[in-house]
Structure formats: C-alpha cells, structure tokens
Amino acid sequence: MQNNGTQESSHKKCVNLELAKRGNLVLLRHGQTAWSVSGQHTGRTDLPLTDVGMQQACDAGERLREAFPQGFDPDCVLVSPLRRAQQTAQLAGYVTYEICRSALEWDYGGAEGRTRGDIAALSGVDAWDVWKHGPQVLPSHMISDGQEVLPNGEAVDIHRTSGESLQEVSDRTQKIIDAAMPQLAQGRNVLVVAHAHVLRILTARWLGVNPDFARLLRLDTAHYSVLGEYKGDNVIVHWNC
C-alpha cells in the first residue's frame, strides 16, 4: 500500500501530465480609452489608452504575472495591431509579441465612433443593438469617414465601412485559435491581447456554441480570462479576472 507521501506524489504527477496535454488560452482586453468611457463603438479606429487605461494595463500585468509566473514565450503572445492593444501588451510587460490581424475588433461599419443613441437617431432602427441587428442593417448614409478630437487633444480619423456580421467575426476568431493551437498542443500558454467583442466572440467559438452567446460574457477593460480544456471539452477556466 502506498503511504500518503507516495500517493500525493503520484497525484501531482497525474496533475502535471494532465496540464501538459494542452496549454491555456489567455485573453486580455485592452485598457480604458476615451470611447470606452463615452460609450462610442470602437472598432477599427486607432485610439490610444487614457491615463487610467495605462495604469489598468500595468495592473493587469501584475495580476497576470501572479497567475502565470512562468510568463509567456514571445511566440505565444498574439496582439491586435491597434494601438490600444499594443500599448496594453507593452505596459503589462509583454514587449515582444506577434501582431495578429485576426484579433482586430469587430468592424462596426456605420456604427463606428457613435453611441447607441446616435445610431438609433441616424438609422431609424429603434434601440439598435449590434448583437441583434448587426452593422450591416444600417443605412448607407451612415457610411462616411470623419475625424474626432479626443479629450487629450489628439485628432483621430474615423473610417466607416459596411461592417462585419457576427458570423464573419466568429469565423475570423477561428484563425486566432488555429494560430495558437500548435503552442497549446505543446502544453504552452498563449496570451491574446485584443478587444472586448472579438475576445468574447472567440470564447463562444472556443466553446462551440452560437456566437451570440458572447453577448452574455462581460469583459471589463484590462481584465483577463482563461480558456482551457477539461475532460476533453473546451471550457472557461477563469473569467474577467
């Protein structure tokens, strides 16, 4: 009969073998921007972090280092090309990473840079909702470029297209998962630094459920979540940490 010490050692070995089967996919939303405060839809417009957002990113890095003291290899850090995501990655302590265009935020089309109230007034769609209606129902007169001056005095260009459907975003997130899978299969953790909607939709894709499930997942600025595997199923390990 094994003594308690031997049993404990055997259990630890089993746990380690289980963990080594596949790494975790860690999702970090960027820090606060001027538009996350104002409620304007922020898709492809290249906003910087606010001062609060920069501090949030630093704090997120501390939490991640506590949760993942082994860190992430440079080829295991995938970052959206938009400035707010890159700033967040750098301030969190991950200065070497790979740009992942598939991690761009949802293209909101005519909704870009506008609040829900603005959109309802301009479109005539009562209580317009990106999850329910999508940007592609918005009238063509809303597809116009513009410029806005942020509270910090910086002028940002706003480019509006016909937008993406929810299904198109979901299909795009599969490319992120595919890019991460070789490292995950080696038991390595992969960090994705991106945006609220695209990361929530990626999570639904990971779980194999309908993409509109993502609307039920709250992900705050500069908070992270962990996706993994449990008994052969893709699961949420931690959320909005």
Protein backbone atom coordinates (compact mmCIF):
# COMPACT_ATOMS: atom_id res chain seq x y z
CA MET A 1 0.00 0.00 0.00
CA GLN A 2 1.27 3.48 -0.86
CA ASN A 3 1.86 5.85 2.01
CA ASN A 4 0.33 9.32 1.94
CA GLY A 5 3.52 10.90 0.65
CA THR A 6 3.71 8.47 -2.26
CA GLN A 7 0.02 8.96 -3.05
CA GLU A 8 0.45 12.72 -3.01
CA SER A 9 3.49 12.47 -5.31
CA SER A 10 1.58 10.20 -7.67
CA HIS A 11 -1.36 12.62 -7.70
CA LYS A 12 0.93 15.53 -8.53
CA LYS A 13 2.44 13.58 -11.41
CA CYS A 14 -1.04 12.85 -12.77
CA VAL A 15 -1.98 16.51 -12.48
CA ASN A 16 1.20 17.58 -14.22
CA LEU A 17 0.62 15.10 -17.02
CA GLU A 18 -2.94 16.37 -17.43
CA LEU A 19 -1.79 20.00 -17.55
CA ALA A 20 0.92 19.15 -20.06
CA LYS A 21 -1.65 17.86 -22.55
CA ARG A 22 -2.62 21.35 -23.62
CA GLY A 23 -1.87 24.88 -22.53
CA ASN A 24 -4.38 27.59 -21.73
CA LEU A 25 -5.53 30.40 -23.99
CA VAL A 26 -5.39 33.63 -22.00
CA LEU A 27 -7.42 36.61 -23.26
CA LEU A 28 -6.57 40.16 -22.16
CA ARG A 29 -8.77 43.09 -23.10
CA HIS A 30 -7.02 46.42 -23.62
CA GLY A 31 -7.23 49.22 -21.05
CA GLN A 32 -9.60 52.15 -20.97
CA THR A 33 -9.90 54.52 -23.95
CA ALA A 34 -11.83 57.78 -24.30
CA TRP A 35 -14.55 55.97 -26.22
CA SER A 36 -14.91 53.12 -23.74
CA VAL A 37 -15.80 55.88 -21.27
CA SER A 38 -18.18 57.70 -23.63
CA GLY A 39 -19.86 54.54 -24.93
CA GLN A 40 -18.91 55.11 -28.56
CA HIS A 41 -18.47 51.97 -30.65
CA THR A 42 -14.74 51.47 -31.03
CA GLY A 43 -13.88 49.02 -33.76
CA ARG A 44 -11.06 49.87 -36.14
CA THR A 45 -10.46 53.50 -35.07
CA ASP A 46 -6.93 53.58 -33.67
CA LEU A 47 -7.39 55.12 -30.24
CA PRO A 48 -4.71 55.36 -27.56
CA LEU A 49 -5.20 54.41 -23.94
CA THR A 50 -6.20 57.07 -21.45
CA ASP A 51 -4.01 57.66 -18.39
CA VAL A 52 -6.41 55.42 -16.48
CA GLY A 53 -6.10 52.80 -19.21
CA MET A 54 -2.32 52.84 -18.99
CA GLN A 55 -2.44 52.24 -15.25
CA GLN A 56 -5.00 49.48 -15.79
CA ALA A 57 -2.62 47.78 -18.23
CA CYS A 58 0.23 47.91 -15.70
CA ASP A 59 -2.06 46.46 -13.03
CA ALA A 60 -3.21 43.71 -15.40
CA GLY A 61 0.41 42.76 -15.98
CA GLU A 62 0.91 42.30 -12.25
CA ARG A 63 -2.16 40.05 -12.00
CA LEU A 64 -1.04 38.01 -14.97
CA ARG A 65 2.47 37.53 -13.57
CA GLU A 66 0.94 36.33 -10.32
CA ALA A 67 -1.34 33.89 -12.14
CA PHE A 68 1.27 32.82 -14.70
CA PRO A 69 4.68 33.26 -13.05
CA GLN A 70 6.36 31.31 -15.84
CA GLY A 71 5.29 34.03 -18.27
CA PHE A 72 4.62 33.66 -21.97
CA ASP A 73 7.19 32.99 -24.68
CA PRO A 74 7.40 35.72 -27.36
CA ASP A 75 5.83 33.42 -29.95
CA CYS A 76 2.98 32.80 -27.50
CA VAL A 77 1.85 36.44 -27.31
CA LEU A 78 -0.57 37.49 -30.06
CA VAL A 79 -1.62 41.14 -30.16
CA SER A 80 -4.11 43.09 -32.24
CA PRO A 81 -2.38 45.66 -34.47
CA LEU A 82 -4.43 48.51 -32.99
CA ARG A 83 -2.57 50.93 -30.74
CA ARG A 84 -4.67 50.41 -27.63
CA ALA A 85 -3.94 46.67 -27.67
CA GLN A 86 -0.22 47.10 -28.31
CA GLN A 87 0.07 49.70 -25.55
CA THR A 88 -1.69 47.32 -23.18
CA ALA A 89 0.64 44.44 -24.04
CA GLN A 90 3.73 46.60 -23.58
CA LEU A 91 2.62 48.20 -20.32
CA ALA A 92 1.62 44.78 -18.98
CA GLY A 93 5.23 43.72 -19.54
CA TYR A 94 4.94 41.79 -22.80
CA VAL A 95 7.11 43.88 -25.09
CA THR A 96 7.91 41.15 -27.59
CA TYR A 97 4.91 39.73 -29.42
CA GLU A 98 3.43 38.79 -32.76
CA ILE A 99 0.90 41.02 -34.49
CA CYS A 100 -2.33 39.12 -35.16
CA ARG A 101 -4.62 40.86 -37.65
CA SER A 102 -7.36 38.33 -36.95
CA ALA A 103 -7.58 39.84 -33.45
CA LEU A 104 -8.82 43.20 -34.74
CA GLU A 105 -12.05 44.38 -33.14
CA TRP A 106 -15.43 43.89 -34.80
CA ASP A 107 -15.83 46.24 -37.77
CA TYR A 108 -18.90 48.21 -36.69
CA GLY A 109 -19.40 49.89 -40.06
CA GLY A 110 -21.71 52.90 -39.79
CA ALA A 111 -21.82 52.49 -36.01
CA GLU A 112 -18.12 53.29 -35.65
CA GLY A 113 -17.49 56.18 -33.28
CA ARG A 114 -21.17 56.52 -32.43
CA THR A 115 -23.19 55.73 -29.32
CA ARG A 116 -26.29 53.55 -29.42
CA GLY A 117 -28.41 56.67 -29.08
CA ASP A 118 -26.66 58.32 -32.01
CA ILE A 119 -27.14 55.21 -34.11
CA ALA A 120 -30.86 54.92 -33.34
CA ALA A 121 -31.38 58.58 -34.29
CA LEU A 122 -29.36 58.36 -37.52
CA SER A 123 -30.60 54.98 -38.68
CA GLY A 124 -34.24 54.95 -37.65
CA VAL A 125 -33.68 51.49 -36.17
CA ASP A 126 -35.32 51.66 -32.77
CA ALA A 127 -32.99 50.58 -29.97
CA TRP A 128 -30.33 49.37 -32.42
CA ASP A 129 -28.18 46.62 -30.94
CA VAL A 130 -25.01 45.29 -32.54
CA TRP A 131 -25.72 41.72 -31.39
CA LYS A 132 -29.33 41.67 -32.57
CA HIS A 133 -29.16 43.81 -35.71
CA GLY A 134 -25.50 43.95 -36.72
CA PRO A 135 -23.89 46.89 -38.53
CA GLN A 136 -24.97 45.74 -42.00
CA VAL A 137 -28.59 46.84 -41.48
CA LEU A 138 -27.52 50.46 -41.06
CA PRO A 139 -28.39 52.81 -43.95
CA SER A 140 -25.72 53.74 -46.47
CA HIS A 141 -25.78 57.43 -45.49
CA MET A 142 -24.10 56.41 -42.22
CA ILE A 143 -21.08 55.03 -44.08
CA SER A 144 -18.97 58.18 -44.07
CA ASP A 145 -15.46 58.96 -42.89
CA GLY A 146 -14.82 61.59 -40.27
CA GLN A 147 -12.48 62.87 -37.60
CA GLU A 148 -12.87 63.48 -33.90
CA VAL A 149 -10.75 65.29 -31.36
CA LEU A 150 -10.23 63.25 -28.19
CA PRO A 151 -10.25 64.79 -24.70
CA ASN A 152 -6.43 64.72 -24.75
CA GLY A 153 -6.43 66.93 -27.85
CA GLU A 154 -5.44 64.22 -30.32
CA ALA A 155 -7.39 64.05 -33.58
CA VAL A 156 -8.28 60.54 -34.73
CA ASP A 157 -9.53 59.52 -38.16
CA ILE A 158 -12.75 57.51 -38.35
CA HIS A 159 -13.24 55.20 -41.31
CA ARG A 160 -16.65 53.61 -41.76
CA THR A 161 -17.39 50.63 -43.99
CA SER A 162 -20.41 48.38 -44.46
CA GLY A 163 -19.16 46.45 -41.42
CA GLU A 164 -18.96 42.79 -40.46
CA SER A 165 -21.68 40.34 -39.48
CA LEU A 166 -21.43 38.48 -36.20
CA GLN A 167 -20.80 35.25 -38.10
CA GLU A 168 -17.96 36.84 -40.04
CA VAL A 169 -16.29 37.89 -36.80
CA SER A 170 -16.79 34.40 -35.38
CA ASP A 171 -15.20 32.83 -38.44
CA ARG A 172 -12.28 35.24 -38.12
CA THR A 173 -11.67 34.26 -34.50
CA GLN A 174 -11.11 30.68 -35.61
CA LYS A 175 -7.88 31.93 -37.21
CA ILE A 176 -6.69 33.10 -33.79
CA ILE A 177 -7.43 29.69 -32.31
CA ASP A 178 -5.67 27.99 -35.22
CA ALA A 179 -2.63 30.23 -34.75
CA ALA A 180 -2.47 29.35 -31.04
CA MET A 181 -3.11 25.61 -31.31
CA PRO A 182 0.46 24.46 -32.13
CA GLN A 183 1.75 26.11 -28.94
CA LEU A 184 -1.24 24.96 -26.87
CA ALA A 185 -0.70 21.41 -28.10
CA GLN A 186 2.83 21.59 -26.68
CA GLY A 187 1.44 22.49 -23.27
CA ARG A 188 2.40 26.16 -23.60
CA ASN A 189 0.10 29.00 -22.58
CA VAL A 190 -0.81 31.60 -25.20
CA LEU A 191 -1.77 35.21 -24.44
CA VAL A 192 -4.04 37.16 -26.80
CA VAL A 193 -4.26 40.91 -26.22
CA ALA A 194 -7.19 42.40 -28.09
CA HIS A 195 -10.68 43.86 -27.70
CA ALA A 196 -13.88 43.13 -25.80
CA HIS A 197 -16.20 41.94 -28.54
CA VAL A 198 -13.70 39.94 -30.56
CA LEU A 199 -12.45 38.16 -27.43
CA ARG A 200 -15.98 37.37 -26.26
CA ILE A 201 -16.87 36.02 -29.71
CA LEU A 202 -13.64 33.99 -29.74
CA THR A 203 -14.75 32.47 -26.44
CA ALA A 204 -18.07 31.37 -27.93
CA ARG A 205 -16.13 29.87 -30.84
CA TRP A 206 -13.84 28.04 -28.40
CA LEU A 207 -16.85 26.60 -26.59
CA GLY A 208 -18.51 25.55 -29.85
CA VAL A 209 -21.70 27.49 -29.13
CA ASN A 210 -23.67 30.04 -31.14
CA PRO A 211 -21.68 33.29 -31.47
CA ASP A 212 -24.47 35.41 -29.98
CA PHE A 213 -23.77 33.65 -26.65
CA ALA A 214 -20.88 36.11 -26.43
CA ARG A 215 -23.24 38.94 -25.54
CA LEU A 216 -23.70 37.28 -22.13
CA LEU A 217 -19.98 37.44 -21.35
CA ARG A 218 -18.91 40.67 -19.64
CA LEU A 219 -15.25 41.52 -20.13
CA ASP A 220 -14.04 44.73 -18.49
CA THR A 221 -11.16 46.90 -19.63
CA ALA A 222 -7.72 45.43 -18.83
CA HIS A 223 -9.25 42.24 -17.43
CA TYR A 224 -8.20 38.78 -18.48
CA SER A 225 -9.91 35.43 -18.93
CA VAL A 226 -8.58 31.91 -19.31
CA LEU A 227 -9.84 29.26 -21.71
CA GLY A 228 -8.76 25.66 -21.40
CA GLU A 229 -9.75 22.03 -21.62
CA TYR A 230 -11.47 19.81 -19.06
CA LYS A 231 -12.08 16.12 -19.66
CA GLY A 232 -11.93 16.60 -23.40
CA ASP A 233 -14.20 19.66 -23.54
CA ASN A 234 -13.19 23.23 -24.24
CA VAL A 235 -14.16 25.29 -21.19
CA ILE A 236 -13.86 28.66 -19.49
CA VAL A 237 -11.35 28.25 -16.67
CA HIS A 238 -11.49 31.80 -15.30
CA TRP A 239 -13.40 34.87 -16.45
CA ASN A 240 -12.97 38.64 -16.13
CA CYS A 241 -10.09 38.50 -13.66
